[in-house]
Amino acid sequence: MPQMNADDWPTQIAWLIVTFAVLLTLMWGFALPRVRRVLDRRREKIADDIGKAEALKSEAEAALKAYQAALAEARAKAQTMLAEMQARLDKEGAAQRAKLDTELNIKAAEAEARIRRARAEAMASLKDVAAEAAREATRRLIGVEPDRGSVEAAVMAALETRS
């Protein structure tokens, strides 16, 4: 066995040093820069994905604020309409008052129903957008696409804690 022969050790050590130096040079010159570039690209992609997720989050928050402003405006308009109708009813007399009060109650109920429908639609679209953004961000960040049910459950939980 040549590796056990002490006379062959100096040449074996010399070849070991040469081989090690060549492999180290190849690793240092070719492999490690490629690995570094891949890691840098991955870091940039993750940062980009996080930026997109934050943009989508701010967009969703802006949509929620717009919804809340529209809801406040609708309530203010409903209150204004109610006050105007009440003033007119007072002028027309007691007989007309009962009839108009019934109509106003129906209109108020319809307005509330429309507001509830608009709110439900806005929340549903917000949930869908948030769930899709979360699924896409998760898929891009960690490469795993979660099932729609778990993402929607997480979005629902997050929205409930904000309410």
N, C-alpha and C. Protein backbone atom coordinates (compact mmCIF):
# COMPACT_ATOMS: atom_id res chain seq x y z
N MET A 1 0.84 -1.17 0.00
CA MET A 1 0.00 0.00 0.00
C MET A 1 0.89 1.24 0.00
N PRO A 2 0.80 2.06 -1.04
CA PRO A 2 1.71 3.19 -1.15
C PRO A 2 1.46 4.25 -0.08
N GLN A 3 0.26 4.45 0.35
CA GLN A 3 0.01 5.49 1.34
C GLN A 3 0.58 5.15 2.71
N MET A 4 0.91 3.92 2.95
CA MET A 4 1.51 3.54 4.22
C MET A 4 3.04 3.56 4.16
N ASN A 5 3.58 3.66 3.01
CA ASN A 5 5.04 3.67 2.84
C ASN A 5 5.53 5.09 3.14
N ALA A 6 6.39 5.22 4.16
CA ALA A 6 6.87 6.52 4.59
C ALA A 6 7.74 7.19 3.53
N ASP A 7 8.32 6.45 2.63
CA ASP A 7 9.15 7.04 1.58
C ASP A 7 8.29 7.82 0.57
N ASP A 8 7.03 7.45 0.42
CA ASP A 8 6.13 8.12 -0.55
C ASP A 8 5.41 9.33 0.05
N TRP A 9 5.52 9.56 1.32
CA TRP A 9 4.77 10.64 1.96
C TRP A 9 5.13 12.03 1.45
N PRO A 10 6.37 12.39 1.23
CA PRO A 10 6.65 13.75 0.75
C PRO A 10 5.98 14.03 -0.60
N THR A 11 5.99 13.09 -1.51
CA THR A 11 5.34 13.34 -2.81
C THR A 11 3.82 13.37 -2.66
N GLN A 12 3.31 12.51 -1.80
CA GLN A 12 1.87 12.52 -1.57
C GLN A 12 1.43 13.84 -0.95
N ILE A 13 2.21 14.35 0.00
CA ILE A 13 1.87 15.64 0.64
C ILE A 13 2.00 16.77 -0.39
N ALA A 14 3.00 16.70 -1.24
CA ALA A 14 3.16 17.73 -2.27
C ALA A 14 1.96 17.73 -3.20
N TRP A 15 1.54 16.55 -3.66
CA TRP A 15 0.38 16.47 -4.54
C TRP A 15 -0.90 16.90 -3.81
N LEU A 16 -0.98 16.60 -2.53
CA LEU A 16 -2.13 17.04 -1.75
C LEU A 16 -2.18 18.57 -1.71
N ILE A 17 -1.04 19.20 -1.47
CA ILE A 17 -0.99 20.67 -1.42
C ILE A 17 -1.33 21.25 -2.79
N VAL A 18 -0.80 20.69 -3.86
CA VAL A 18 -1.09 21.18 -5.22
C VAL A 18 -2.58 21.02 -5.52
N THR A 19 -3.11 19.85 -5.25
CA THR A 19 -4.54 19.58 -5.51
C THR A 19 -5.42 20.52 -4.69
N PHE A 20 -5.07 20.68 -3.42
CA PHE A 20 -5.84 21.56 -2.55
C PHE A 20 -5.80 23.00 -3.07
N ALA A 21 -4.63 23.46 -3.48
CA ALA A 21 -4.49 24.83 -4.00
C ALA A 21 -5.31 25.01 -5.27
N VAL A 22 -5.28 24.03 -6.16
CA VAL A 22 -6.06 24.12 -7.40
C VAL A 22 -7.55 24.13 -7.09
N LEU A 23 -7.99 23.24 -6.23
CA LEU A 23 -9.41 23.21 -5.88
C LEU A 23 -9.84 24.48 -5.15
N LEU A 24 -8.98 24.98 -4.27
CA LEU A 24 -9.31 26.22 -3.57
C LEU A 24 -9.41 27.38 -4.55
N THR A 25 -8.49 27.44 -5.51
CA THR A 25 -8.52 28.50 -6.52
C THR A 25 -9.79 28.39 -7.37
N LEU A 26 -10.16 27.18 -7.76
CA LEU A 26 -11.39 27.00 -8.55
C LEU A 26 -12.62 27.40 -7.74
N MET A 27 -12.67 26.98 -6.49
CA MET A 27 -13.81 27.34 -5.65
C MET A 27 -13.87 28.86 -5.46
N TRP A 28 -12.74 29.45 -5.15
CA TRP A 28 -12.69 30.88 -4.88
C TRP A 28 -12.98 31.70 -6.14
N GLY A 29 -12.53 31.20 -7.27
CA GLY A 29 -12.68 31.96 -8.52
C GLY A 29 -14.00 31.75 -9.22
N PHE A 30 -14.58 30.55 -9.10
CA PHE A 30 -15.78 30.26 -9.89
C PHE A 30 -17.01 29.94 -9.04
N ALA A 31 -16.89 29.01 -8.16
CA ALA A 31 -18.06 28.52 -7.44
C ALA A 31 -18.58 29.54 -6.43
N LEU A 32 -17.74 30.09 -5.61
CA LEU A 32 -18.20 31.02 -4.58
C LEU A 32 -18.81 32.29 -5.15
N PRO A 33 -18.27 32.90 -6.21
CA PRO A 33 -18.95 34.07 -6.78
C PRO A 33 -20.34 33.74 -7.32
N ARG A 34 -20.48 32.55 -7.88
CA ARG A 34 -21.81 32.16 -8.38
C ARG A 34 -22.78 32.00 -7.22
N VAL A 35 -22.34 31.37 -6.17
CA VAL A 35 -23.20 31.21 -4.99
C VAL A 35 -23.56 32.58 -4.42
N ARG A 36 -22.59 33.48 -4.35
CA ARG A 36 -22.83 34.82 -3.84
C ARG A 36 -23.85 35.56 -4.71
N ARG A 37 -23.74 35.40 -6.05
CA ARG A 37 -24.70 36.06 -6.95
C ARG A 37 -26.10 35.49 -6.74
N VAL A 38 -26.19 34.18 -6.60
CA VAL A 38 -27.50 33.56 -6.38
C VAL A 38 -28.11 34.07 -5.08
N LEU A 39 -27.30 34.13 -4.04
CA LEU A 39 -27.80 34.63 -2.76
C LEU A 39 -28.21 36.10 -2.85
N ASP A 40 -27.45 36.90 -3.57
CA ASP A 40 -27.80 38.30 -3.74
C ASP A 40 -29.10 38.46 -4.52
N ARG A 41 -29.25 37.66 -5.58
CA ARG A 41 -30.50 37.71 -6.35
C ARG A 41 -31.69 37.31 -5.49
N ARG A 42 -31.49 36.28 -4.70
CA ARG A 42 -32.58 35.81 -3.84
C ARG A 42 -32.94 36.89 -2.82
N ARG A 43 -31.94 37.52 -2.24
CA ARG A 43 -32.17 38.59 -1.27
C ARG A 43 -32.93 39.74 -1.93
N GLU A 44 -32.55 40.11 -3.17
CA GLU A 44 -33.24 41.18 -3.88
C GLU A 44 -34.68 40.80 -4.19
N LYS A 45 -34.89 39.55 -4.58
CA LYS A 45 -36.25 39.10 -4.89
C LYS A 45 -37.13 39.12 -3.65
N ILE A 46 -36.57 38.68 -2.54
CA ILE A 46 -37.34 38.70 -1.30
C ILE A 46 -37.67 40.13 -0.92
N ALA A 47 -36.71 41.03 -1.03
CA ALA A 47 -36.96 42.43 -0.72
C ALA A 47 -38.03 43.01 -1.65
N ASP A 48 -37.97 42.64 -2.92
CA ASP A 48 -38.96 43.11 -3.89
C ASP A 48 -40.35 42.56 -3.54
N ASP A 49 -40.41 41.29 -3.19
CA ASP A 49 -41.69 40.69 -2.83
C ASP A 49 -42.27 41.33 -1.57
N ILE A 50 -41.41 41.63 -0.62
CA ILE A 50 -41.88 42.29 0.60
C ILE A 50 -42.40 43.68 0.25
N GLY A 51 -41.70 44.37 -0.64
CA GLY A 51 -42.17 45.69 -1.07
C GLY A 51 -43.53 45.62 -1.75
N LYS A 52 -43.70 44.62 -2.60
CA LYS A 52 -45.00 44.46 -3.26
C LYS A 52 -46.09 44.14 -2.25
N ALA A 53 -45.76 43.28 -1.29
CA ALA A 53 -46.75 42.93 -0.26
C ALA A 53 -47.13 44.16 0.56
N GLU A 54 -46.16 45.00 0.89
CA GLU A 54 -46.46 46.22 1.64
C GLU A 54 -47.30 47.16 0.80
N ALA A 55 -47.02 47.23 -0.50
CA ALA A 55 -47.82 48.09 -1.38
C ALA A 55 -49.26 47.59 -1.44
N LEU A 56 -49.43 46.27 -1.55
CA LEU A 56 -50.78 45.71 -1.57
C LEU A 56 -51.49 45.94 -0.23
N LYS A 57 -50.74 45.86 0.85
CA LYS A 57 -51.32 46.11 2.16
C LYS A 57 -51.79 47.55 2.26
N SER A 58 -50.95 48.49 1.83
CA SER A 58 -51.34 49.89 1.90
C SER A 58 -52.52 50.17 0.97
N GLU A 59 -52.55 49.49 -0.17
CA GLU A 59 -53.69 49.64 -1.09
C GLU A 59 -54.98 49.13 -0.43
N ALA A 60 -54.88 48.01 0.26
CA ALA A 60 -56.05 47.46 0.95
C ALA A 60 -56.49 48.40 2.08
N GLU A 61 -55.53 48.97 2.79
CA GLU A 61 -55.87 49.91 3.86
C GLU A 61 -56.52 51.16 3.28
N ALA A 62 -56.02 51.62 2.14
CA ALA A 62 -56.63 52.79 1.49
C ALA A 62 -58.06 52.48 1.06
N ALA A 63 -58.27 51.26 0.55
CA ALA A 63 -59.62 50.86 0.15
C ALA A 63 -60.55 50.82 1.37
N LEU A 64 -60.03 50.34 2.49
CA LEU A 64 -60.84 50.30 3.71
C LEU A 64 -61.16 51.72 4.18
N LYS A 65 -60.19 52.63 4.12
CA LYS A 65 -60.45 54.02 4.51
C LYS A 65 -61.48 54.66 3.59
N ALA A 66 -61.37 54.37 2.30
CA ALA A 66 -62.34 54.92 1.35
C ALA A 66 -63.73 54.38 1.63
N TYR A 67 -63.79 53.09 1.97
CA TYR A 67 -65.07 52.49 2.32
C TYR A 67 -65.65 53.16 3.56
N GLN A 68 -64.80 53.37 4.58
CA GLN A 68 -65.29 54.00 5.80
C GLN A 68 -65.75 55.43 5.54
N ALA A 69 -65.03 56.16 4.69
CA ALA A 69 -65.44 57.52 4.34
C ALA A 69 -66.77 57.51 3.60
N ALA A 70 -66.93 56.57 2.68
CA ALA A 70 -68.19 56.47 1.94
C ALA A 70 -69.33 56.11 2.88
N LEU A 71 -69.06 55.23 3.83
CA LEU A 71 -70.08 54.85 4.81
C LEU A 71 -70.48 56.05 5.66
N ALA A 72 -69.51 56.84 6.11
CA ALA A 72 -69.81 58.03 6.90
C ALA A 72 -70.61 59.05 6.08
N GLU A 73 -70.22 59.19 4.82
CA GLU A 73 -70.94 60.13 3.94
C GLU A 73 -72.37 59.66 3.72
N ALA A 74 -72.53 58.36 3.52
CA ALA A 74 -73.88 57.82 3.31
C ALA A 74 -74.73 58.02 4.56
N ARG A 75 -74.12 57.81 5.71
CA ARG A 75 -74.88 58.02 6.96
C ARG A 75 -75.23 59.50 7.13
N ALA A 76 -74.29 60.38 6.79
CA ALA A 76 -74.57 61.82 6.90
C ALA A 76 -75.69 62.22 5.95
N LYS A 77 -75.64 61.68 4.72
CA LYS A 77 -76.71 61.98 3.76
C LYS A 77 -78.04 61.44 4.25
N ALA A 78 -78.01 60.24 4.82
CA ALA A 78 -79.25 59.65 5.34
C ALA A 78 -79.80 60.51 6.48
N GLN A 79 -78.92 60.99 7.34
CA GLN A 79 -79.37 61.86 8.43
C GLN A 79 -79.93 63.17 7.90
N THR A 80 -79.28 63.73 6.87
CA THR A 80 -79.76 64.98 6.27
C THR A 80 -81.13 64.77 5.64
N MET A 81 -81.27 63.67 4.90
CA MET A 81 -82.56 63.38 4.29
C MET A 81 -83.64 63.19 5.35
N LEU A 82 -83.28 62.51 6.42
CA LEU A 82 -84.25 62.28 7.49
C LEU A 82 -84.69 63.60 8.12
N ALA A 83 -83.74 64.51 8.35
CA ALA A 83 -84.09 65.81 8.95
C ALA A 83 -84.98 66.63 8.02
N GLU A 84 -84.70 66.63 6.73
CA GLU A 84 -85.52 67.38 5.77
C GLU A 84 -86.94 66.84 5.71
N MET A 85 -87.01 65.54 5.69
CA MET A 85 -88.34 64.92 5.63
C MET A 85 -89.14 65.21 6.91
N GLN A 86 -88.44 65.20 8.02
CA GLN A 86 -89.13 65.46 9.28
C GLN A 86 -89.67 66.88 9.31
N ALA A 87 -88.88 67.84 8.80
CA ALA A 87 -89.34 69.23 8.77
C ALA A 87 -90.57 69.37 7.87
N ARG A 88 -90.56 68.72 6.74
CA ARG A 88 -91.71 68.77 5.83
C ARG A 88 -92.93 68.12 6.46
N LEU A 89 -92.71 67.04 7.18
CA LEU A 89 -93.83 66.35 7.82
C LEU A 89 -94.50 67.23 8.88
N ASP A 90 -93.66 67.97 9.61
CA ASP A 90 -94.22 68.85 10.63
C ASP A 90 -95.12 69.90 9.99
N LYS A 91 -94.76 70.40 8.81
CA LYS A 91 -95.54 71.42 8.13
C LYS A 91 -96.84 70.88 7.57
N GLU A 92 -96.84 69.65 7.12
CA GLU A 92 -98.03 69.09 6.46
C GLU A 92 -99.13 68.67 7.43
N GLY A 93 -98.74 68.36 8.65
CA GLY A 93 -99.81 68.05 9.61
C GLY A 93 -99.75 66.63 10.11
N ALA A 94 -100.60 66.37 11.03
CA ALA A 94 -100.63 65.10 11.75
C ALA A 94 -101.09 63.95 10.85
N ALA A 95 -102.01 64.21 9.95
CA ALA A 95 -102.53 63.14 9.09
C ALA A 95 -101.46 62.63 8.13
N GLN A 96 -100.73 63.54 7.54
CA GLN A 96 -99.68 63.17 6.59
C GLN A 96 -98.46 62.59 7.31
N ARG A 97 -98.27 62.99 8.56
CA ARG A 97 -97.09 62.56 9.31
C ARG A 97 -97.00 61.04 9.44
N ALA A 98 -98.05 60.37 9.74
CA ALA A 98 -98.03 58.91 9.91
C ALA A 98 -97.66 58.23 8.59
N LYS A 99 -98.24 58.72 7.51
CA LYS A 99 -97.94 58.13 6.19
C LYS A 99 -96.47 58.33 5.81
N LEU A 100 -95.95 59.54 5.98
CA LEU A 100 -94.56 59.82 5.62
C LEU A 100 -93.57 59.12 6.54
N ASP A 101 -93.91 59.01 7.82
CA ASP A 101 -93.02 58.27 8.74
C ASP A 101 -92.85 56.82 8.27
N THR A 102 -93.90 56.23 7.82
CA THR A 102 -93.82 54.85 7.33
C THR A 102 -92.91 54.77 6.11
N GLU A 103 -93.08 55.70 5.18
CA GLU A 103 -92.23 55.72 4.00
C GLU A 103 -90.76 55.95 4.35
N LEU A 104 -90.52 56.86 5.29
CA LEU A 104 -89.14 57.12 5.71
C LEU A 104 -88.51 55.89 6.35
N ASN A 105 -89.26 55.21 7.16
CA ASN A 105 -88.72 54.00 7.79
C ASN A 105 -88.37 52.95 6.74
N ILE A 106 -89.20 52.84 5.73
CA ILE A 106 -88.91 51.88 4.66
C ILE A 106 -87.64 52.30 3.92
N LYS A 107 -87.53 53.61 3.61
CA LYS A 107 -86.33 54.09 2.92
C LYS A 107 -85.08 53.93 3.76
N ALA A 108 -85.22 54.20 5.06
CA ALA A 108 -84.06 54.03 5.95
C ALA A 108 -83.64 52.57 6.01
N ALA A 109 -84.62 51.68 6.07
CA ALA A 109 -84.29 50.25 6.09
C ALA A 109 -83.63 49.82 4.79
N GLU A 110 -84.14 50.34 3.66
CA GLU A 110 -83.52 50.02 2.38
C GLU A 110 -82.11 50.58 2.30
N ALA A 111 -81.94 51.82 2.80
CA ALA A 111 -80.59 52.41 2.78
C ALA A 111 -79.65 51.60 3.65
N GLU A 112 -80.09 51.18 4.81
CA GLU A 112 -79.26 50.34 5.68
C GLU A 112 -78.96 49.01 5.01
N ALA A 113 -79.95 48.47 4.32
CA ALA A 113 -79.71 47.20 3.62
C ALA A 113 -78.68 47.39 2.51
N ARG A 114 -78.80 48.50 1.77
CA ARG A 114 -77.82 48.79 0.73
C ARG A 114 -76.43 49.01 1.35
N ILE A 115 -76.41 49.72 2.46
CA ILE A 115 -75.13 49.94 3.13
C ILE A 115 -74.54 48.61 3.59
N ARG A 116 -75.38 47.76 4.17
CA ARG A 116 -74.88 46.44 4.60
C ARG A 116 -74.39 45.62 3.41
N ARG A 117 -75.14 45.68 2.30
CA ARG A 117 -74.70 44.93 1.11
C ARG A 117 -73.39 45.50 0.59
N ALA A 118 -73.30 46.84 0.53
CA ALA A 118 -72.06 47.46 0.05
C ALA A 118 -70.90 47.12 0.98
N ARG A 119 -71.16 47.12 2.26
CA ARG A 119 -70.10 46.78 3.23
C ARG A 119 -69.69 45.31 3.06
N ALA A 120 -70.69 44.45 2.91
CA ALA A 120 -70.38 43.02 2.74
C ALA A 120 -69.61 42.79 1.46
N GLU A 121 -70.01 43.49 0.37
CA GLU A 121 -69.28 43.35 -0.89
C GLU A 121 -67.85 43.87 -0.76
N ALA A 122 -67.72 45.03 -0.09
CA ALA A 122 -66.38 45.59 0.09
C ALA A 122 -65.51 44.68 0.94
N MET A 123 -66.08 44.14 2.01
CA MET A 123 -65.30 43.24 2.87
C MET A 123 -64.96 41.95 2.12
N ALA A 124 -65.91 41.45 1.31
CA ALA A 124 -65.63 40.23 0.55
C ALA A 124 -64.52 40.47 -0.46
N SER A 125 -64.58 41.61 -1.15
CA SER A 125 -63.52 41.89 -2.12
C SER A 125 -62.20 42.15 -1.41
N LEU A 126 -62.26 42.81 -0.26
CA LEU A 126 -61.05 43.04 0.53
C LEU A 126 -60.47 41.71 1.01
N LYS A 127 -61.33 40.80 1.44
CA LYS A 127 -60.86 39.49 1.89
C LYS A 127 -60.24 38.73 0.73
N ASP A 128 -60.89 38.80 -0.44
CA ASP A 128 -60.35 38.09 -1.61
C ASP A 128 -58.99 38.65 -2.01
N VAL A 129 -58.90 39.99 -2.05
CA VAL A 129 -57.63 40.62 -2.44
C VAL A 129 -56.55 40.30 -1.43
N ALA A 130 -56.89 40.41 -0.14
CA ALA A 130 -55.90 40.12 0.90
C ALA A 130 -55.49 38.65 0.87
N ALA A 131 -56.46 37.74 0.67
CA ALA A 131 -56.13 36.32 0.62
C ALA A 131 -55.25 36.01 -0.58
N GLU A 132 -55.58 36.58 -1.72
CA GLU A 132 -54.77 36.32 -2.92
C GLU A 132 -53.37 36.90 -2.76
N ALA A 133 -53.28 38.11 -2.18
CA ALA A 133 -51.96 38.73 -1.96
C ALA A 133 -51.15 37.90 -0.98
N ALA A 134 -51.79 37.41 0.07
CA ALA A 134 -51.07 36.59 1.05
C ALA A 134 -50.62 35.28 0.42
N ARG A 135 -51.48 34.65 -0.39
CA ARG A 135 -51.09 33.39 -1.05
C ARG A 135 -49.91 33.63 -1.99
N GLU A 136 -50.01 34.71 -2.77
CA GLU A 136 -48.94 34.99 -3.73
C GLU A 136 -47.64 35.33 -3.02
N ALA A 137 -47.73 36.14 -1.96
CA ALA A 137 -46.52 36.50 -1.21
C ALA A 137 -45.90 35.27 -0.57
N THR A 138 -46.73 34.40 -0.02
CA THR A 138 -46.21 33.17 0.60
C THR A 138 -45.58 32.29 -0.45
N ARG A 139 -46.22 32.17 -1.60
CA ARG A 139 -45.67 31.34 -2.65
C ARG A 139 -44.33 31.89 -3.13
N ARG A 140 -44.26 33.19 -3.28
CA ARG A 140 -43.01 33.78 -3.77
C ARG A 140 -41.91 33.80 -2.71
N LEU A 141 -42.29 34.00 -1.47
CA LEU A 141 -41.28 34.11 -0.42
C LEU A 141 -40.69 32.76 -0.04
N ILE A 142 -41.55 31.78 0.16
CA ILE A 142 -41.01 30.50 0.63
C ILE A 142 -41.20 29.38 -0.38
N GLY A 143 -41.82 29.67 -1.51
CA GLY A 143 -41.92 28.69 -2.58
C GLY A 143 -42.99 27.63 -2.32
N VAL A 144 -43.85 27.83 -1.35
CA VAL A 144 -44.91 26.87 -1.05
C VAL A 144 -46.23 27.59 -1.23
N GLU A 145 -47.14 26.97 -1.96
CA GLU A 145 -48.43 27.59 -2.16
C GLU A 145 -49.42 27.00 -1.16
N PRO A 146 -49.85 27.82 -0.19
CA PRO A 146 -50.76 27.31 0.83
C PRO A 146 -52.15 27.11 0.25
N ASP A 147 -52.94 26.26 0.90
CA ASP A 147 -54.29 26.05 0.40
C ASP A 147 -55.15 27.27 0.70
N ARG A 148 -56.13 27.48 -0.15
CA ARG A 148 -56.96 28.68 -0.10
C ARG A 148 -57.70 28.80 1.23
N GLY A 149 -58.15 27.70 1.78
CA GLY A 149 -58.90 27.73 3.03
C GLY A 149 -58.09 28.25 4.19
N SER A 150 -56.87 27.79 4.33
CA SER A 150 -56.05 28.26 5.46
C SER A 150 -55.69 29.73 5.30
N VAL A 151 -55.45 30.17 4.07
CA VAL A 151 -55.13 31.58 3.84
C VAL A 151 -56.35 32.43 4.16
N GLU A 152 -57.52 32.01 3.71
CA GLU A 152 -58.73 32.79 4.00
C GLU A 152 -59.02 32.81 5.49
N ALA A 153 -58.77 31.71 6.18
CA ALA A 153 -58.97 31.68 7.62
C ALA A 153 -58.03 32.65 8.31
N ALA A 154 -56.79 32.70 7.86
CA ALA A 154 -55.82 33.63 8.46
C ALA A 154 -56.21 35.07 8.19
N VAL A 155 -56.67 35.36 6.97
CA VAL A 155 -57.11 36.72 6.64
C VAL A 155 -58.32 37.10 7.47
N MET A 156 -59.27 36.18 7.62
CA MET A 156 -60.46 36.44 8.43
C MET A 156 -60.06 36.74 9.87
N ALA A 157 -59.13 35.95 10.39
CA ALA A 157 -58.67 36.18 11.77
C ALA A 157 -58.00 37.55 11.89
N ALA A 158 -57.21 37.92 10.91
CA ALA A 158 -56.54 39.22 10.95
C ALA A 158 -57.55 40.35 10.85
N LEU A 159 -58.56 40.20 10.01
CA LEU A 159 -59.57 41.25 9.87
C LEU A 159 -60.43 41.35 11.13
N GLU A 160 -60.70 40.23 11.77
CA GLU A 160 -61.50 40.27 12.99
C GLU A 160 -60.76 40.95 14.12
N THR A 161 -59.45 40.78 14.17
CA THR A 161 -58.70 41.44 15.23
C THR A 161 -58.64 42.95 14.98
N ARG A 162 -58.75 43.39 13.73
CA ARG A 162 -58.71 44.82 13.41
C ARG A 162 -60.07 45.45 13.67
N SER A 163 -61.14 44.68 13.62
CA SER A 163 -62.49 45.26 13.78
C SER A 163 -62.77 45.59 15.22
